Amino acid sequence: MFIQYIILFVFGLVVGSFINVIALRYNPGDKILGKKNIGGRSHCSYCHKQLVWYELLPIFSFLIQKGKCRQCGNKLFLQYPLVEILSGLIFVFIPYSLFSILNPQFSILIVVWILIFELFLLLSIIDFRHYIIPDQINLLLGILGSVLIFINNRLNNFDIIIGSFIGHYAAIFGIRENIFINHIFAFFLGMAFLGIIIIASRGRGMGWGDFKLVGALGLIFGWPDILIIILLSFIIGAVFVFPLLVKKKKTMKDVIPFGPFLIIASAVVFFFGYKLADFYFGLFNLTI
């Protein structure tokens, strides 16, 4: 099993390298998988020297070259190894987490979840760089969320307890009789919540890309997980932004991408949702 995870990690590094190429080449309005973003040889962002194969090895090339271009000596983006490592971890910890709660016959769900998290990674990079969430990514996430719903329904992987990352605590929130109603409710609830904020703040609080993203997350996670994701994303955002405001590196008028906070909150619910719910209800002696 250990060797399998090593192989998965290496494969994830390669996918992460591809994610880096798309994210760094992307400009608003581009097609995510357009020829401009995935075609042509890789080159240095500074001197534009074409890179040879041994300069493209995930992580290792960055370390061997000491984080610099061999030709011009300029520092390479730290994003390269970080994204590659995160992608590698996605390929390891998604299967590791799901194997403990799924039967082997549900392995198709692991593939879908890996695709979802790789899109989460790409979305976060683009939002950080351009303050925009491409509609194409939101659409792909919505499609994968719909695929999850149909697969889980076909495999009877949903009931009053099963099908939520907060486990049996989901029963407290209701709407567990039908998977389609549950996830469609989460879809509309998430968009309604953010839509009200966007309209009330006249777009200064967050953008319509976030509005579409939370709808996709509703399809992916369902109810009540989407509620926890939304609330947690505001907490994470506040923790991140408050020190910047105190140090005057940011002001209330500055644009701050909200998409990554939604993604981080989604990852927290995916990996630690049950423990989070257990801790919260434990504060009120309501653990069940």
Protein backbone atom coordinates (compact mmCIF):
# COMPACT_ATOMS: atom_id res chain seq x y z
CA MET A 1 0.00 0.00 0.00
CA PHE A 2 2.89 2.38 0.80
CA ILE A 3 4.36 1.89 -2.69
CA GLN A 4 0.95 2.63 -4.21
CA TYR A 5 0.78 5.94 -2.37
CA ILE A 6 4.31 6.82 -3.54
CA ILE A 7 3.23 6.16 -7.13
CA LEU A 8 0.10 8.25 -6.63
CA PHE A 9 2.17 11.09 -5.15
CA VAL A 10 4.56 11.10 -8.12
CA PHE A 11 1.67 11.05 -10.57
CA GLY A 12 0.11 13.92 -8.61
CA LEU A 13 3.36 15.90 -8.96
CA VAL A 14 3.15 15.55 -12.73
CA VAL A 15 -0.47 16.69 -12.77
CA GLY A 16 0.50 19.59 -10.51
CA SER A 17 3.14 20.64 -13.04
CA PHE A 18 0.41 20.69 -15.70
CA ILE A 19 -1.83 22.74 -13.37
CA ASN A 20 1.02 25.24 -13.01
CA VAL A 21 1.36 25.61 -16.77
CA ILE A 22 -2.35 26.35 -17.21
CA ALA A 23 -2.53 28.73 -14.23
CA LEU A 24 0.55 30.76 -15.21
CA ARG A 25 -0.44 31.05 -18.87
CA TYR A 26 -4.09 31.85 -18.21
CA ASN A 27 -5.44 35.33 -18.81
CA PRO A 28 -9.06 36.39 -18.21
CA GLY A 29 -11.18 35.41 -21.18
CA ASP A 30 -8.97 32.50 -22.21
CA LYS A 31 -10.27 28.99 -22.63
CA ILE A 32 -8.86 26.99 -19.72
CA LEU A 33 -7.77 24.13 -21.99
CA GLY A 34 -7.21 26.29 -25.06
CA LYS A 35 -4.16 25.87 -27.27
CA LYS A 36 -2.59 29.00 -25.81
CA ASN A 37 -2.59 27.52 -22.32
CA ILE A 38 -1.62 23.92 -22.98
CA GLY A 39 0.20 24.13 -26.32
CA GLY A 40 3.81 25.02 -27.04
CA ARG A 41 7.03 24.35 -25.17
CA SER A 42 7.60 25.49 -21.61
CA HIS A 43 9.98 28.39 -21.19
CA CYS A 44 11.44 30.72 -18.56
CA SER A 45 9.03 33.54 -17.68
CA TYR A 46 11.93 36.03 -17.71
CA CYS A 47 14.39 35.20 -20.52
CA HIS A 48 11.92 32.97 -22.45
CA LYS A 49 14.52 30.25 -22.94
CA GLN A 50 12.84 26.95 -23.85
CA LEU A 51 13.26 24.40 -21.09
CA VAL A 52 14.67 20.93 -21.71
CA TRP A 53 13.22 17.80 -20.12
CA TYR A 54 15.51 17.75 -17.08
CA GLU A 55 14.43 21.32 -16.24
CA LEU A 56 10.81 20.18 -16.08
CA LEU A 57 11.04 17.46 -13.45
CA PRO A 58 8.51 18.31 -10.71
CA ILE A 59 10.19 19.57 -7.50
CA PHE A 60 13.59 18.06 -8.37
CA SER A 61 14.42 20.59 -11.10
CA PHE A 62 13.52 23.45 -8.75
CA LEU A 63 15.75 22.05 -6.00
CA ILE A 64 18.68 21.17 -8.27
CA GLN A 65 18.60 24.62 -9.86
CA LYS A 66 18.27 26.21 -6.40
CA GLY A 67 15.08 27.92 -7.44
CA LYS A 68 16.71 29.84 -10.30
CA CYS A 69 16.68 29.75 -14.09
CA ARG A 70 19.84 28.09 -15.42
CA GLN A 71 20.07 30.63 -18.24
CA CYS A 72 19.33 34.06 -16.73
CA GLY A 73 19.64 33.33 -13.00
CA ASN A 74 16.28 34.91 -12.08
CA LYS A 75 14.38 33.32 -9.21
CA LEU A 76 11.65 30.92 -10.23
CA PHE A 77 8.16 31.24 -8.80
CA LEU A 78 7.82 29.40 -5.49
CA GLN A 79 4.39 28.50 -6.85
CA TYR A 80 5.98 25.74 -8.97
CA PRO A 81 6.99 23.35 -6.17
CA LEU A 82 4.13 24.35 -3.85
CA VAL A 83 1.42 23.53 -6.40
CA GLU A 84 3.18 20.31 -7.40
CA ILE A 85 3.38 19.19 -3.77
CA LEU A 86 -0.26 20.11 -3.10
CA SER A 87 -1.32 18.16 -6.18
CA GLY A 88 0.74 15.18 -5.02
CA LEU A 89 -0.93 15.34 -1.61
CA ILE A 90 -4.35 15.43 -3.27
CA PHE A 91 -3.56 12.17 -5.06
CA VAL A 92 -2.49 10.60 -1.77
CA PHE A 93 -4.95 11.88 0.82
CA ILE A 94 -8.18 11.75 -1.19
CA PRO A 95 -7.88 7.95 -1.63
CA TYR A 96 -6.51 7.57 1.91
CA SER A 97 -9.50 9.42 3.39
CA LEU A 98 -12.19 7.78 1.28
CA PHE A 99 -10.89 4.22 1.47
CA SER A 100 -11.75 4.23 5.16
CA ILE A 101 -15.42 5.01 4.54
CA LEU A 102 -16.06 3.54 1.07
CA ASN A 103 -16.20 0.04 -0.28
CA PRO A 104 -13.72 -0.83 -3.08
CA GLN A 105 -16.63 -0.79 -5.56
CA PHE A 106 -16.93 2.95 -4.93
CA SER A 107 -13.46 3.69 -6.36
CA ILE A 108 -15.04 5.77 -9.15
CA LEU A 109 -15.94 8.31 -6.46
CA ILE A 110 -12.26 8.67 -5.58
CA VAL A 111 -11.44 9.58 -9.19
CA VAL A 112 -14.21 12.19 -9.28
CA TRP A 113 -13.08 13.71 -5.97
CA ILE A 114 -9.47 13.92 -7.19
CA LEU A 115 -10.65 15.79 -10.28
CA ILE A 116 -12.69 18.13 -8.08
CA PHE A 117 -9.74 18.95 -5.83
CA GLU A 118 -7.39 19.50 -8.77
CA LEU A 119 -9.91 22.01 -10.12
CA PHE A 120 -10.06 23.56 -6.64
CA LEU A 121 -6.29 24.02 -6.84
CA LEU A 122 -6.39 25.57 -10.31
CA LEU A 123 -9.28 27.86 -9.35
CA SER A 124 -7.47 29.12 -6.25
CA ILE A 125 -4.32 30.02 -8.19
CA ILE A 126 -6.23 31.88 -10.89
CA ASP A 127 -8.36 33.75 -8.33
CA PHE A 128 -5.24 34.80 -6.40
CA ARG A 129 -3.52 36.00 -9.58
CA HIS A 130 -6.40 37.62 -11.45
CA TYR A 131 -9.21 38.11 -8.89
CA ILE A 132 -11.51 36.12 -11.12
CA ILE A 133 -13.05 32.65 -11.11
CA PRO A 134 -13.45 31.36 -14.68
CA ASP A 135 -16.97 30.23 -15.56
CA GLN A 136 -15.46 27.14 -17.20
CA ILE A 137 -14.08 25.89 -13.89
CA ASN A 138 -17.35 26.55 -12.08
CA LEU A 139 -19.21 24.70 -14.84
CA LEU A 140 -16.85 21.73 -14.64
CA LEU A 141 -17.25 21.63 -10.86
CA GLY A 142 -21.03 21.74 -11.25
CA ILE A 143 -20.90 18.87 -13.73
CA LEU A 144 -18.68 16.79 -11.41
CA GLY A 145 -21.05 17.58 -8.53
CA SER A 146 -23.95 16.28 -10.60
CA VAL A 147 -21.94 13.16 -11.45
CA LEU A 148 -21.35 12.59 -7.72
CA ILE A 149 -25.07 12.85 -7.03
CA PHE A 150 -25.99 10.25 -9.66
CA ILE A 151 -23.19 7.87 -8.65
CA ASN A 152 -24.04 8.09 -4.95
CA ASN A 153 -27.72 7.58 -5.74
CA ARG A 154 -26.94 4.55 -7.91
CA LEU A 155 -24.73 3.05 -5.19
CA ASN A 156 -27.26 3.82 -2.42
CA ASN A 157 -24.56 5.91 -0.77
CA PHE A 158 -26.99 8.36 0.82
CA ASP A 159 -29.43 8.25 3.72
CA ILE A 160 -30.15 10.03 6.98
CA ILE A 161 -26.52 9.52 8.07
CA ILE A 162 -24.49 8.47 5.01
CA GLY A 163 -23.52 11.04 2.40
CA SER A 164 -22.37 13.91 4.60
CA PHE A 165 -18.86 14.67 5.79
CA ILE A 166 -20.18 15.51 9.25
CA GLY A 167 -21.50 11.96 9.63
CA HIS A 168 -24.54 11.30 11.80
CA TYR A 169 -24.69 14.97 12.85
CA ALA A 170 -26.22 15.67 9.43
CA ALA A 171 -29.46 14.07 10.66
CA ILE A 172 -30.00 17.06 12.96
CA PHE A 173 -30.37 19.38 9.95
CA GLY A 174 -32.94 17.28 8.08
CA ILE A 175 -33.61 17.01 4.31
CA ARG A 176 -31.98 13.56 4.16
CA GLU A 177 -34.81 11.64 2.49
CA ASN A 178 -33.74 12.25 -1.11
CA ILE A 179 -30.26 12.94 -2.44
CA PHE A 180 -31.51 15.05 -5.36
CA ILE A 181 -33.65 17.31 -3.17
CA ASN A 182 -30.82 17.58 -0.65
CA HIS A 183 -28.18 18.73 -3.13
CA ILE A 184 -30.51 20.97 -5.15
CA PHE A 185 -31.55 22.65 -1.90
CA ALA A 186 -27.86 23.19 -1.07
CA PHE A 187 -27.30 24.58 -4.58
CA PHE A 188 -30.03 27.24 -4.24
CA LEU A 189 -29.35 28.01 -0.58
CA GLY A 190 -25.67 28.71 -1.20
CA MET A 191 -26.32 30.99 -4.15
CA ALA A 192 -29.16 32.78 -2.36
CA PHE A 193 -26.92 33.48 0.66
CA LEU A 194 -24.05 34.89 -1.40
CA GLY A 195 -26.39 36.61 -3.83
CA ILE A 196 -27.90 38.65 -1.00
CA ILE A 197 -24.43 39.68 0.16
CA ILE A 198 -23.34 40.66 -3.35
CA ILE A 199 -26.45 42.73 -3.96
CA ALA A 200 -26.37 44.35 -0.51
CA SER A 201 -22.67 45.25 -0.87
CA ARG A 202 -23.09 46.22 -4.56
CA GLY A 203 -20.39 43.75 -5.52
CA ARG A 204 -17.81 45.05 -3.07
CA GLY A 205 -18.16 42.10 -0.68
CA MET A 206 -17.52 39.43 -3.32
CA GLY A 207 -18.12 38.72 -6.98
CA TRP A 208 -20.48 36.70 -9.14
CA GLY A 209 -17.73 34.12 -9.67
CA ASP A 210 -18.01 33.31 -5.95
CA PHE A 211 -21.80 33.16 -6.38
CA LYS A 212 -21.45 30.51 -9.11
CA LEU A 213 -18.75 28.66 -7.18
CA VAL A 214 -20.89 28.26 -4.07
CA GLY A 215 -23.68 26.87 -6.26
CA ALA A 216 -21.27 24.25 -7.62
CA LEU A 217 -20.14 23.47 -4.07
CA GLY A 218 -23.77 22.96 -3.09
CA LEU A 219 -24.10 20.29 -5.78
CA ILE A 220 -20.84 18.68 -4.69
CA PHE A 221 -21.31 18.65 -0.91
CA GLY A 222 -25.05 18.90 -0.38
CA TRP A 223 -26.86 20.01 2.76
CA PRO A 224 -25.84 20.71 5.55
CA ASP A 225 -22.18 20.60 4.49
CA ILE A 226 -22.60 23.67 2.27
CA LEU A 227 -23.82 25.70 5.25
CA ILE A 228 -20.70 24.77 7.22
CA ILE A 229 -18.48 25.57 4.23
CA ILE A 230 -19.98 29.05 3.84
CA LEU A 231 -19.73 29.93 7.54
CA LEU A 232 -16.22 28.50 7.80
CA SER A 233 -15.06 30.41 4.70
CA PHE A 234 -15.99 33.72 6.38
CA ILE A 235 -14.09 32.72 9.52
CA ILE A 236 -11.01 31.70 7.51
CA GLY A 237 -11.25 34.90 5.49
CA ALA A 238 -11.42 37.01 8.64
CA VAL A 239 -8.41 35.22 10.15
CA PHE A 240 -6.44 35.81 6.94
CA VAL A 241 -7.47 39.42 6.32
CA PHE A 242 -7.46 40.85 9.86
CA PRO A 243 -3.64 40.81 10.29
CA LEU A 244 -3.28 42.49 6.88
CA LEU A 245 -5.66 45.24 7.95
CA VAL A 246 -3.84 45.72 11.26
CA LYS A 247 -0.48 45.97 9.46
CA LYS A 248 -2.11 48.29 6.91
CA LYS A 249 -1.05 46.06 4.03
CA LYS A 250 -4.69 45.96 3.01
CA THR A 251 -7.62 48.33 3.47
CA MET A 252 -11.37 47.68 3.50
CA LYS A 253 -11.50 49.01 -0.07
CA ASP A 254 -8.94 46.52 -1.43
CA VAL A 255 -10.10 43.54 -3.46
CA ILE A 256 -9.38 40.20 -1.80
CA PRO A 257 -10.21 36.95 -3.62
CA PHE A 258 -12.87 35.01 -1.70
CA GLY A 259 -12.77 31.86 -3.82
CA PRO A 260 -9.70 30.39 -2.08
CA PHE A 261 -11.42 30.79 1.31
CA LEU A 262 -14.37 28.76 0.03
CA ILE A 263 -11.94 26.14 -1.27
CA ILE A 264 -10.02 25.94 2.02
CA ALA A 265 -13.31 25.62 3.91
CA SER A 266 -14.40 22.86 1.51
CA ALA A 267 -11.13 20.98 2.13
CA VAL A 268 -11.56 21.35 5.91
CA VAL A 269 -15.09 19.92 5.73
CA PHE A 270 -13.97 17.09 3.43
CA PHE A 271 -11.08 15.97 5.65
CA PHE A 272 -12.19 17.08 9.12
CA GLY A 273 -15.94 17.67 8.87
CA TYR A 274 -16.95 15.02 11.37
CA LYS A 275 -14.29 16.01 13.90
CA LEU A 276 -15.29 19.65 13.51
CA ALA A 277 -18.96 18.87 14.12
CA ASP A 278 -18.11 16.58 17.03
CA PHE A 279 -16.01 19.32 18.63
CA TYR A 280 -18.69 21.99 18.10
CA PHE A 281 -21.58 19.96 19.49
CA GLY A 282 -19.32 18.74 22.29
CA LEU A 283 -19.06 22.33 23.52
CA PHE A 284 -22.77 22.09 24.33
CA ASN A 285 -22.64 18.48 25.53
CA LEU A 286 -24.68 17.44 22.50
CA THR A 287 -22.34 14.77 21.05
CA ILE A 288 -24.21 11.74 19.73
